[in-house]
Amino acid sequence: MFAQAYLQAVTRAAVTAMNAYDAILTPTLALPPRPVGWFDEVPPAQNFERQKRFTPFTALFNVSGQPAVNVPLHWTEEGLPIGIMLAGRMGEEGTLISLSAQLEQARPWHDRRPPLW
């Protein structure tokens, strides 16, 4: 019960602070794309540690329910996408869609595909 209340209090404070901005820009992931099975090949505790290292920037927005979008703006040498994340105010998905469209126009990605095997 305490953990839930604490999580809600921290989330409310974060959302209030972020409402001063139209959008928040962060990396989407902390590591390049991992191989298929990277999370499943280890015991549960290590899986959780890998998840925390891989996606530290997305958790807040998953908990708060704020809209967020991933925009692929870079690619690894292997052709895998590296994204940035834009998060916005509650109910303002339109801002994120508009920003994403502007980024895609400036740096198109619709025709980028990673190699298959």
C-alpha atoms as a PDB file:
ATOM      1  CA  MET A   1       0.000   0.000   0.000  1.00  0.00           C
ATOM      2  CA  PHE A   2       2.792   2.427   0.884  1.00  0.00           C
ATOM      3  CA  ALA A   3       4.620   1.632  -2.369  1.00  0.00           C
ATOM      4  CA  GLN A   4       1.513   2.440  -4.430  1.00  0.00           C
ATOM      5  CA  ALA A   5       0.934   5.739  -2.607  1.00  0.00           C
ATOM      6  CA  TYR A   6       4.589   6.693  -2.960  1.00  0.00           C
ATOM      7  CA  LEU A   7       4.565   5.889  -6.675  1.00  0.00           C
ATOM      8  CA  GLN A   8       1.458   8.018  -7.194  1.00  0.00           C
ATOM      9  CA  ALA A   9       2.949  10.946  -5.242  1.00  0.00           C
ATOM     10  CA  VAL A  10       6.204  10.854  -7.199  1.00  0.00           C
ATOM     11  CA  THR A  11       4.292  10.581 -10.481  1.00  0.00           C
ATOM     12  CA  ARG A  12       2.080  13.576  -9.627  1.00  0.00           C
ATOM     13  CA  ALA A  13       5.148  15.662  -8.787  1.00  0.00           C
ATOM     14  CA  ALA A  14       6.889  14.652 -12.034  1.00  0.00           C
ATOM     15  CA  VAL A  15       3.825  15.368 -14.180  1.00  0.00           C
ATOM     16  CA  THR A  16       3.414  18.780 -12.515  1.00  0.00           C
ATOM     17  CA  ALA A  17       7.069  19.651 -13.199  1.00  0.00           C
ATOM     18  CA  MET A  18       6.913  18.466 -16.805  1.00  0.00           C
ATOM     19  CA  ASN A  19       3.717  20.402 -17.555  1.00  0.00           C
ATOM     20  CA  ALA A  20       5.890  23.525 -17.903  1.00  0.00           C
ATOM     21  CA  TYR A  21       7.105  22.123 -21.248  1.00  0.00           C
ATOM     22  CA  ASP A  22       5.353  21.253 -24.510  1.00  0.00           C
ATOM     23  CA  ALA A  23       7.405  18.050 -24.771  1.00  0.00           C
ATOM     24  CA  ILE A  24      10.216  16.248 -23.002  1.00  0.00           C
ATOM     25  CA  LEU A  25      13.015  14.753 -25.127  1.00  0.00           C
ATOM     26  CA  THR A  26      14.941  11.702 -23.900  1.00  0.00           C
ATOM     27  CA  PRO A  27      16.641   8.703 -25.435  1.00  0.00           C
ATOM     28  CA  THR A  28      14.127   5.906 -25.917  1.00  0.00           C
ATOM     29  CA  LEU A  29      16.531   3.188 -24.814  1.00  0.00           C
ATOM     30  CA  ALA A  30      19.801   3.218 -22.892  1.00  0.00           C
ATOM     31  CA  LEU A  31      21.383   0.525 -25.069  1.00  0.00           C
ATOM     32  CA  PRO A  32      21.282  -0.315 -28.769  1.00  0.00           C
ATOM     33  CA  PRO A  33      18.741  -2.973 -29.784  1.00  0.00           C
ATOM     34  CA  ARG A  34      19.476  -6.283 -28.070  1.00  0.00           C
ATOM     35  CA  PRO A  35      19.440  -9.690 -29.766  1.00  0.00           C
ATOM     36  CA  VAL A  36      16.229 -11.718 -29.710  1.00  0.00           C
ATOM     37  CA  GLY A  37      16.144 -13.742 -26.487  1.00  0.00           C
ATOM     38  CA  TRP A  38      18.459 -11.388 -24.558  1.00  0.00           C
ATOM     39  CA  PHE A  39      15.895 -11.071 -21.754  1.00  0.00           C
ATOM     40  CA  ASP A  40      14.786 -14.709 -21.755  1.00  0.00           C
ATOM     41  CA  GLU A  41      18.188 -16.370 -21.579  1.00  0.00           C
ATOM     42  CA  VAL A  42      18.814 -15.365 -17.961  1.00  0.00           C
ATOM     43  CA  PRO A  43      17.165 -15.964 -14.559  1.00  0.00           C
ATOM     44  CA  PRO A  44      14.264 -13.628 -13.586  1.00  0.00           C
ATOM     45  CA  ALA A  45      16.337 -11.361 -11.323  1.00  0.00           C
ATOM     46  CA  GLN A  46      18.924 -10.792 -14.039  1.00  0.00           C
ATOM     47  CA  ASN A  47      16.126 -10.324 -16.597  1.00  0.00           C
ATOM     48  CA  PHE A  48      14.720  -7.514 -14.442  1.00  0.00           C
ATOM     49  CA  GLU A  49      18.158  -5.899 -14.143  1.00  0.00           C
ATOM     50  CA  ARG A  50      18.535  -6.040 -17.919  1.00  0.00           C
ATOM     51  CA  GLN A  51      15.106  -4.459 -18.373  1.00  0.00           C
ATOM     52  CA  LYS A  52      16.042  -1.605 -16.032  1.00  0.00           C
ATOM     53  CA  ARG A  53      19.333  -0.991 -17.857  1.00  0.00           C
ATOM     54  CA  PHE A  54      17.671  -1.199 -21.288  1.00  0.00           C
ATOM     55  CA  THR A  55      14.596   1.010 -20.717  1.00  0.00           C
ATOM     56  CA  PRO A  56      15.228   3.450 -17.848  1.00  0.00           C
ATOM     57  CA  PHE A  57      13.639   6.407 -19.661  1.00  0.00           C
ATOM     58  CA  THR A  58      10.251   4.885 -20.477  1.00  0.00           C
ATOM     59  CA  ALA A  59       9.126   3.785 -17.007  1.00  0.00           C
ATOM     60  CA  LEU A  60       7.963   7.192 -15.788  1.00  0.00           C
ATOM     61  CA  PHE A  61       5.683   7.653 -18.778  1.00  0.00           C
ATOM     62  CA  ASN A  62       4.371   4.094 -18.534  1.00  0.00           C
ATOM     63  CA  VAL A  63       3.368   4.817 -14.931  1.00  0.00           C
ATOM     64  CA  SER A  64       2.054   8.355 -15.452  1.00  0.00           C
ATOM     65  CA  GLY A  65       0.075   7.492 -18.580  1.00  0.00           C
ATOM     66  CA  GLN A  66       1.435  10.528 -20.403  1.00  0.00           C
ATOM     67  CA  PRO A  67       1.529  10.247 -24.176  1.00  0.00           C
ATOM     68  CA  ALA A  68       4.939   9.429 -25.618  1.00  0.00           C
ATOM     69  CA  VAL A  69       6.299   8.571 -29.042  1.00  0.00           C
ATOM     70  CA  ASN A  70       9.502   6.996 -30.300  1.00  0.00           C
ATOM     71  CA  VAL A  71      11.098   8.608 -33.347  1.00  0.00           C
ATOM     72  CA  PRO A  72      13.884   6.706 -35.154  1.00  0.00           C
ATOM     73  CA  LEU A  73      16.522   9.321 -35.919  1.00  0.00           C
ATOM     74  CA  HIS A  74      19.714   7.273 -36.049  1.00  0.00           C
ATOM     75  CA  TRP A  75      20.773   3.790 -37.099  1.00  0.00           C
ATOM     76  CA  THR A  76      23.478   1.414 -35.924  1.00  0.00           C
ATOM     77  CA  GLU A  77      26.138   0.149 -38.327  1.00  0.00           C
ATOM     78  CA  GLU A  78      23.973  -2.972 -38.646  1.00  0.00           C
ATOM     79  CA  GLY A  79      21.009  -0.868 -39.790  1.00  0.00           C
ATOM     80  CA  LEU A  80      18.986  -1.119 -36.568  1.00  0.00           C
ATOM     81  CA  PRO A  81      17.064   2.006 -35.515  1.00  0.00           C
ATOM     82  CA  ILE A  82      18.070   4.168 -32.566  1.00  0.00           C
ATOM     83  CA  GLY A  83      15.199   6.314 -31.371  1.00  0.00           C
ATOM     84  CA  ILE A  84      14.502   9.372 -29.337  1.00  0.00           C
ATOM     85  CA  MET A  85      11.396   9.639 -27.193  1.00  0.00           C
ATOM     86  CA  LEU A  86       9.140  12.641 -26.972  1.00  0.00           C
ATOM     87  CA  ALA A  87       6.712  12.711 -24.053  1.00  0.00           C
ATOM     88  CA  GLY A  88       3.940  15.252 -23.724  1.00  0.00           C
ATOM     89  CA  ARG A  89       1.255  16.592 -21.491  1.00  0.00           C
ATOM     90  CA  MET A  90      -1.822  14.536 -20.734  1.00  0.00           C
ATOM     91  CA  GLY A  91      -4.285  14.727 -23.602  1.00  0.00           C
ATOM     92  CA  GLU A  92      -1.880  16.543 -25.919  1.00  0.00           C
ATOM     93  CA  GLU A  93      -1.032  13.720 -28.282  1.00  0.00           C
ATOM     94  CA  GLY A  94      -1.463  16.156 -31.168  1.00  0.00           C
ATOM     95  CA  THR A  95       1.675  18.033 -30.132  1.00  0.00           C
ATOM     96  CA  LEU A  96       3.701  14.820 -30.259  1.00  0.00           C
ATOM     97  CA  ILE A  97       2.243  13.819 -33.626  1.00  0.00           C
ATOM     98  CA  SER A  98       3.047  17.275 -35.020  1.00  0.00           C
ATOM     99  CA  LEU A  99       6.612  17.202 -33.684  1.00  0.00           C
ATOM    100  CA  SER A 100       7.104  13.669 -35.026  1.00  0.00           C
ATOM    101  CA  ALA A 101       5.860  14.717 -38.466  1.00  0.00           C
ATOM    102  CA  GLN A 102       8.265  17.665 -38.502  1.00  0.00           C
ATOM    103  CA  LEU A 103      11.171  15.410 -37.543  1.00  0.00           C
ATOM    104  CA  GLU A 104      10.239  12.861 -40.203  1.00  0.00           C
ATOM    105  CA  GLN A 105      10.065  15.595 -42.814  1.00  0.00           C
ATOM    106  CA  ALA A 106      13.512  16.849 -41.793  1.00  0.00           C
ATOM    107  CA  ARG A 107      15.018  13.366 -41.568  1.00  0.00           C
ATOM    108  CA  PRO A 108      12.812  10.817 -43.391  1.00  0.00           C
ATOM    109  CA  TRP A 109      12.728   7.255 -42.085  1.00  0.00           C
ATOM    110  CA  HIS A 110       9.669   5.714 -43.742  1.00  0.00           C
ATOM    111  CA  ASP A 111      11.823   3.784 -46.217  1.00  0.00           C
ATOM    112  CA  ARG A 112      14.461   2.605 -43.712  1.00  0.00           C
ATOM    113  CA  ARG A 113      14.311  -1.112 -42.987  1.00  0.00           C
ATOM    114  CA  PRO A 114      16.816  -3.191 -40.999  1.00  0.00           C
ATOM    115  CA  PRO A 115      18.203  -6.171 -42.883  1.00  0.00           C
ATOM    116  CA  LEU A 116      16.394  -9.469 -42.403  1.00  0.00           C
ATOM    117  CA  TRP A 117      18.914 -11.960 -41.078  1.00  0.00           C
END
